[in-house]
């Protein structure tokens, strides 16, 4: 095979690798996972307060625990909503959870949408942190179908903020 033909064969592979969900997710998260965008409490980590991660169904819990282990090193606990209602949130400075938000995206797929395309609507997870002392809610404005990658990046940024602000 000629050298230029080999190189041309690699171009689509390289383009796909730069367009992967990981690269796009990091760019999106970098913009929105900040104190300035309201996703992280401004005083996060100053008192090294524990964060409570609310658990849900098995699949979500598996990813949540894996992401916390990889990206967050501060004091934390896992608990479901029922247990939280019984015990209360008094010993935790923050609660990490998610809600659902409807997202719309234009699709040019004429087989599914008909001539000219149309909009797809889907429910996507939207993460947030509640400060239990002030009852303030800090919502991550970015959402994605690749929610586990977004969650991991959010936790990584929380860890960076915690380490930056902590004063023993």
C-alpha atoms as a PDB file:
ATOM      1  CA  UNK A   1       0.000   0.000   0.000  1.00  0.00           C
ATOM      2  CA  UNK A   2       1.292   3.422  -0.932  1.00  0.00           C
ATOM      3  CA  UNK A   3       2.356   5.675   1.981  1.00  0.00           C
ATOM      4  CA  UNK A   4      -0.166   8.441   1.166  1.00  0.00           C
ATOM      5  CA  UNK A   5      -2.969   5.859   0.971  1.00  0.00           C
ATOM      6  CA  UNK A   6      -2.083   4.620   4.452  1.00  0.00           C
ATOM      7  CA  UNK A   7      -2.093   8.165   5.742  1.00  0.00           C
ATOM      8  CA  UNK A   8      -5.488   8.878   4.175  1.00  0.00           C
ATOM      9  CA  UNK A   9      -6.854   5.708   5.777  1.00  0.00           C
ATOM     10  CA  UNK A  10      -5.798   7.015   9.199  1.00  0.00           C
ATOM     11  CA  UNK A  11      -7.484  10.413   8.811  1.00  0.00           C
ATOM     12  CA  UNK A  12     -11.051   9.213   9.602  1.00  0.00           C
ATOM     13  CA  UNK A  13      -9.790   7.302  12.639  1.00  0.00           C
ATOM     14  CA  UNK A  14      -7.987  10.364  13.945  1.00  0.00           C
ATOM     15  CA  UNK A  15     -11.010  12.581  13.355  1.00  0.00           C
ATOM     16  CA  UNK A  16     -13.272  10.153  15.212  1.00  0.00           C
ATOM     17  CA  UNK A  17     -10.886  10.011  18.149  1.00  0.00           C
ATOM     18  CA  UNK A  18     -10.913  13.814  18.479  1.00  0.00           C
ATOM     19  CA  UNK A  19     -14.696  13.789  18.271  1.00  0.00           C
ATOM     20  CA  UNK A  20     -15.171  11.202  21.018  1.00  0.00           C
ATOM     21  CA  UNK A  21     -17.631  11.782  23.807  1.00  0.00           C
ATOM     22  CA  UNK A  22     -14.769  12.132  26.306  1.00  0.00           C
ATOM     23  CA  UNK A  23     -13.193  15.080  24.534  1.00  0.00           C
ATOM     24  CA  UNK A  24     -16.534  16.800  23.963  1.00  0.00           C
ATOM     25  CA  UNK A  25     -17.632  16.131  27.537  1.00  0.00           C
ATOM     26  CA  UNK A  26     -14.462  17.608  29.023  1.00  0.00           C
ATOM     27  CA  UNK A  27     -14.872  20.754  26.941  1.00  0.00           C
ATOM     28  CA  UNK A  28     -18.500  21.137  28.016  1.00  0.00           C
ATOM     29  CA  UNK A  29     -17.753  20.345  31.647  1.00  0.00           C
ATOM     30  CA  UNK A  30     -14.751  22.664  31.762  1.00  0.00           C
ATOM     31  CA  UNK A  31     -17.054  25.531  30.865  1.00  0.00           C
ATOM     32  CA  UNK A  32     -19.852  24.708  33.324  1.00  0.00           C
ATOM     33  CA  UNK A  33     -18.275  22.920  36.308  1.00  0.00           C
ATOM     34  CA  UNK A  34     -17.073  26.035  38.096  1.00  0.00           C
ATOM     35  CA  UNK A  35     -17.880  28.206  41.090  1.00  0.00           C
ATOM     36  CA  UNK A  36     -18.589  31.105  38.708  1.00  0.00           C
ATOM     37  CA  UNK A  37     -21.232  29.091  36.824  1.00  0.00           C
ATOM     38  CA  UNK A  38     -22.921  28.152  40.102  1.00  0.00           C
ATOM     39  CA  UNK A  39     -22.134  24.425  39.982  1.00  0.00           C
ATOM     40  CA  UNK A  40     -19.756  24.408  42.974  1.00  0.00           C
ATOM     41  CA  UNK A  41     -20.381  26.131  46.318  1.00  0.00           C
ATOM     42  CA  UNK A  42     -17.897  29.013  46.717  1.00  0.00           C
ATOM     43  CA  UNK A  43     -16.769  27.816  50.155  1.00  0.00           C
ATOM     44  CA  UNK A  44     -16.622  24.116  49.256  1.00  0.00           C
ATOM     45  CA  UNK A  45     -13.953  22.357  51.302  1.00  0.00           C
ATOM     46  CA  UNK A  46     -13.130  25.187  53.719  1.00  0.00           C
ATOM     47  CA  UNK A  47     -14.245  23.126  56.720  1.00  0.00           C
ATOM     48  CA  UNK A  48     -13.646  19.729  55.099  1.00  0.00           C
ATOM     49  CA  UNK A  49     -17.351  18.958  55.504  1.00  0.00           C
ATOM     50  CA  UNK A  50     -18.609  15.524  54.510  1.00  0.00           C
ATOM     51  CA  UNK A  51     -20.592  15.106  51.343  1.00  0.00           C
ATOM     52  CA  UNK A  52     -23.472  12.661  51.183  1.00  0.00           C
ATOM     53  CA  UNK A  53     -23.999  10.947  47.858  1.00  0.00           C
ATOM     54  CA  UNK A  54     -27.636   9.950  47.430  1.00  0.00           C
ATOM     55  CA  UNK A  55     -28.027   6.518  45.917  1.00  0.00           C
ATOM     56  CA  UNK A  56     -30.798   5.376  43.580  1.00  0.00           C
ATOM     57  CA  UNK A  57     -31.041   2.223  41.458  1.00  0.00           C
ATOM     58  CA  UNK A  58     -28.263  -0.365  41.068  1.00  0.00           C
ATOM     59  CA  UNK A  59     -26.842   0.785  37.737  1.00  0.00           C
ATOM     60  CA  UNK A  60     -26.508   4.401  38.849  1.00  0.00           C
ATOM     61  CA  UNK A  61     -25.034   3.364  42.205  1.00  0.00           C
ATOM     62  CA  UNK A  62     -22.347   1.258  40.552  1.00  0.00           C
ATOM     63  CA  UNK A  63     -21.172   4.191  38.410  1.00  0.00           C
ATOM     64  CA  UNK A  64     -21.498   6.658  41.293  1.00  0.00           C
ATOM     65  CA  UNK A  65     -19.326   4.586  43.626  1.00  0.00           C
ATOM     66  CA  UNK A  66     -16.735   3.980  40.921  1.00  0.00           C
ATOM     67  CA  UNK A  67     -16.587   7.677  40.036  1.00  0.00           C
ATOM     68  CA  UNK A  68     -16.307   8.756  43.684  1.00  0.00           C
ATOM     69  CA  UNK A  69     -13.477   6.273  44.229  1.00  0.00           C
ATOM     70  CA  UNK A  70     -11.594   7.566  41.171  1.00  0.00           C
ATOM     71  CA  UNK A  71     -12.219  11.302  41.484  1.00  0.00           C
ATOM     72  CA  UNK A  72     -13.119  12.383  45.025  1.00  0.00           C
ATOM     73  CA  UNK A  73     -10.923  12.036  48.115  1.00  0.00           C
ATOM     74  CA  UNK A  74     -12.811  13.979  50.753  1.00  0.00           C
ATOM     75  CA  UNK A  75     -14.962  12.637  53.581  1.00  0.00           C
ATOM     76  CA  UNK A  76     -18.157  11.169  52.177  1.00  0.00           C
ATOM     77  CA  UNK A  77     -20.943   8.637  52.646  1.00  0.00           C
ATOM     78  CA  UNK A  78     -23.585   6.902  50.509  1.00  0.00           C
ATOM     79  CA  UNK A  79     -27.231   6.753  51.503  1.00  0.00           C
ATOM     80  CA  UNK A  80     -30.614   6.374  49.838  1.00  0.00           C
ATOM     81  CA  UNK A  81     -33.391   8.943  50.211  1.00  0.00           C
ATOM     82  CA  UNK A  82     -35.417   6.803  52.631  1.00  0.00           C
ATOM     83  CA  UNK A  83     -32.473   6.426  54.991  1.00  0.00           C
ATOM     84  CA  UNK A  84     -31.741  10.164  54.719  1.00  0.00           C
ATOM     85  CA  UNK A  85     -35.311  10.996  55.751  1.00  0.00           C
ATOM     86  CA  UNK A  86     -34.942   8.772  58.846  1.00  0.00           C
ATOM     87  CA  UNK A  87     -31.483   9.953  59.925  1.00  0.00           C
ATOM     88  CA  UNK A  88     -31.448  13.536  58.659  1.00  0.00           C
ATOM     89  CA  UNK A  89     -28.639  15.407  56.939  1.00  0.00           C
ATOM     90  CA  UNK A  90     -27.263  17.213  59.996  1.00  0.00           C
ATOM     91  CA  UNK A  91     -23.847  15.567  59.981  1.00  0.00           C
ATOM     92  CA  UNK A  92     -23.262  16.200  56.270  1.00  0.00           C
ATOM     93  CA  UNK A  93     -22.271  19.565  54.890  1.00  0.00           C
ATOM     94  CA  UNK A  94     -23.404  18.790  51.366  1.00  0.00           C
ATOM     95  CA  UNK A  95     -25.689  16.414  49.497  1.00  0.00           C
ATOM     96  CA  UNK A  96     -24.894  15.327  45.940  1.00  0.00           C
ATOM     97  CA  UNK A  97     -27.842  14.157  43.839  1.00  0.00           C
ATOM     98  CA  UNK A  98     -29.471  14.480  40.441  1.00  0.00           C
ATOM     99  CA  UNK A  99     -32.811  15.295  38.909  1.00  0.00           C
ATOM    100  CA  UNK A 100     -34.116  14.861  35.392  1.00  0.00           C
ATOM    101  CA  UNK A 101     -34.361  17.571  32.787  1.00  0.00           C
ATOM    102  CA  UNK A 102     -35.890  17.346  29.338  1.00  0.00           C
ATOM    103  CA  UNK A 103     -33.375  17.993  26.608  1.00  0.00           C
ATOM    104  CA  UNK A 104     -34.099  18.708  22.940  1.00  0.00           C
ATOM    105  CA  UNK A 105     -31.798  18.234  20.002  1.00  0.00           C
ATOM    106  CA  UNK A 106     -32.453  18.791  16.306  1.00  0.00           C
ATOM    107  CA  UNK A 107     -32.009  15.692  14.163  1.00  0.00           C
ATOM    108  CA  UNK A 108     -31.686  15.563  10.390  1.00  0.00           C
ATOM    109  CA  UNK A 109     -32.646  11.870  10.376  1.00  0.00           C
ATOM    110  CA  UNK A 110     -35.532  11.927   7.886  1.00  0.00           C
ATOM    111  CA  UNK A 111     -36.350   8.263   8.428  1.00  0.00           C
ATOM    112  CA  UNK A 112     -37.238   8.943  12.054  1.00  0.00           C
ATOM    113  CA  UNK A 113     -38.279  12.609  11.881  1.00  0.00           C
ATOM    114  CA  UNK A 114     -39.772  12.864   8.415  1.00  0.00           C
ATOM    115  CA  UNK A 115     -38.790  15.274   5.631  1.00  0.00           C
ATOM    116  CA  UNK A 116     -36.534  18.073   6.834  1.00  0.00           C
ATOM    117  CA  UNK A 117     -35.750  16.443  10.187  1.00  0.00           C
ATOM    118  CA  UNK A 118     -37.097  17.426  13.585  1.00  0.00           C
ATOM    119  CA  UNK A 119     -36.467  17.560  17.304  1.00  0.00           C
ATOM    120  CA  UNK A 120     -35.725  14.635  19.606  1.00  0.00           C
ATOM    121  CA  UNK A 121     -36.653  14.975  23.264  1.00  0.00           C
ATOM    122  CA  UNK A 122     -34.972  12.951  25.967  1.00  0.00           C
ATOM    123  CA  UNK A 123     -34.680  12.977  29.744  1.00  0.00           C
ATOM    124  CA  UNK A 124     -31.136  13.588  30.922  1.00  0.00           C
ATOM    125  CA  UNK A 125     -29.626  13.609  34.401  1.00  0.00           C
ATOM    126  CA  UNK A 126     -28.791  17.016  35.860  1.00  0.00           C
ATOM    127  CA  UNK A 127     -26.490  16.936  38.868  1.00  0.00           C
ATOM    128  CA  UNK A 128     -26.634  19.329  41.806  1.00  0.00           C
ATOM    129  CA  UNK A 129     -25.221  19.881  45.281  1.00  0.00           C
ATOM    130  CA  UNK A 130     -27.248  21.087  48.240  1.00  0.00           C
ATOM    131  CA  UNK A 131     -25.476  22.988  51.015  1.00  0.00           C
ATOM    132  CA  UNK A 132     -27.238  21.661  54.127  1.00  0.00           C
ATOM    133  CA  UNK A 133     -26.230  24.660  56.268  1.00  0.00           C
ATOM    134  CA  UNK A 134     -27.712  27.319  53.980  1.00  0.00           C
ATOM    135  CA  UNK A 135     -30.173  25.192  51.945  1.00  0.00           C
ATOM    136  CA  UNK A 136     -28.560  26.634  48.809  1.00  0.00           C
ATOM    137  CA  UNK A 137     -28.643  24.463  45.707  1.00  0.00           C
ATOM    138  CA  UNK A 138     -25.793  24.532  43.193  1.00  0.00           C
ATOM    139  CA  UNK A 139     -26.938  23.132  39.860  1.00  0.00           C
ATOM    140  CA  UNK A 140     -24.635  21.949  37.088  1.00  0.00           C
ATOM    141  CA  UNK A 141     -26.103  23.600  33.999  1.00  0.00           C
ATOM    142  CA  UNK A 142     -24.526  21.089  31.616  1.00  0.00           C
ATOM    143  CA  UNK A 143     -26.312  17.815  30.901  1.00  0.00           C
ATOM    144  CA  UNK A 144     -25.466  14.867  28.721  1.00  0.00           C
ATOM    145  CA  UNK A 145     -26.508  11.369  27.813  1.00  0.00           C
ATOM    146  CA  UNK A 146     -22.944  10.474  28.852  1.00  0.00           C
ATOM    147  CA  UNK A 147     -23.861  11.292  32.437  1.00  0.00           C
ATOM    148  CA  UNK A 148     -21.221   9.073  34.053  1.00  0.00           C
ATOM    149  CA  UNK A 149     -18.389  10.943  32.350  1.00  0.00           C
ATOM    150  CA  UNK A 150     -19.962  14.259  33.306  1.00  0.00           C
ATOM    151  CA  UNK A 151     -20.420  13.070  36.896  1.00  0.00           C
ATOM    152  CA  UNK A 152     -16.781  11.962  37.142  1.00  0.00           C
ATOM    153  CA  UNK A 153     -15.568  15.318  35.852  1.00  0.00           C
ATOM    154  CA  UNK A 154     -17.868  17.133  38.315  1.00  0.00           C
ATOM    155  CA  UNK A 155     -16.449  15.080  41.189  1.00  0.00           C
ATOM    156  CA  UNK A 156     -12.905  15.748  40.005  1.00  0.00           C
ATOM    157  CA  UNK A 157     -13.566  19.495  40.034  1.00  0.00           C
ATOM    158  CA  UNK A 158     -15.194  19.250  43.483  1.00  0.00           C
ATOM    159  CA  UNK A 159     -12.054  17.518  44.729  1.00  0.00           C
ATOM    160  CA  UNK A 160      -9.838  20.231  43.236  1.00  0.00           C
ATOM    161  CA  UNK A 161     -11.941  22.927  44.914  1.00  0.00           C
ATOM    162  CA  UNK A 162     -11.940  21.046  48.236  1.00  0.00           C
ATOM    163  CA  UNK A 163      -8.149  20.710  48.220  1.00  0.00           C
ATOM    164  CA  UNK A 164      -7.695  24.365  47.183  1.00  0.00           C
ATOM    165  CA  UNK A 165      -9.961  25.693  49.954  1.00  0.00           C
ATOM    166  CA  UNK A 166      -9.088  23.362  52.842  1.00  0.00           C
ATOM    167  CA  UNK A 167      -7.204  24.978  55.711  1.00  0.00           C
ATOM    168  CA  UNK A 168      -6.521  22.549  58.619  1.00  0.00           C
END
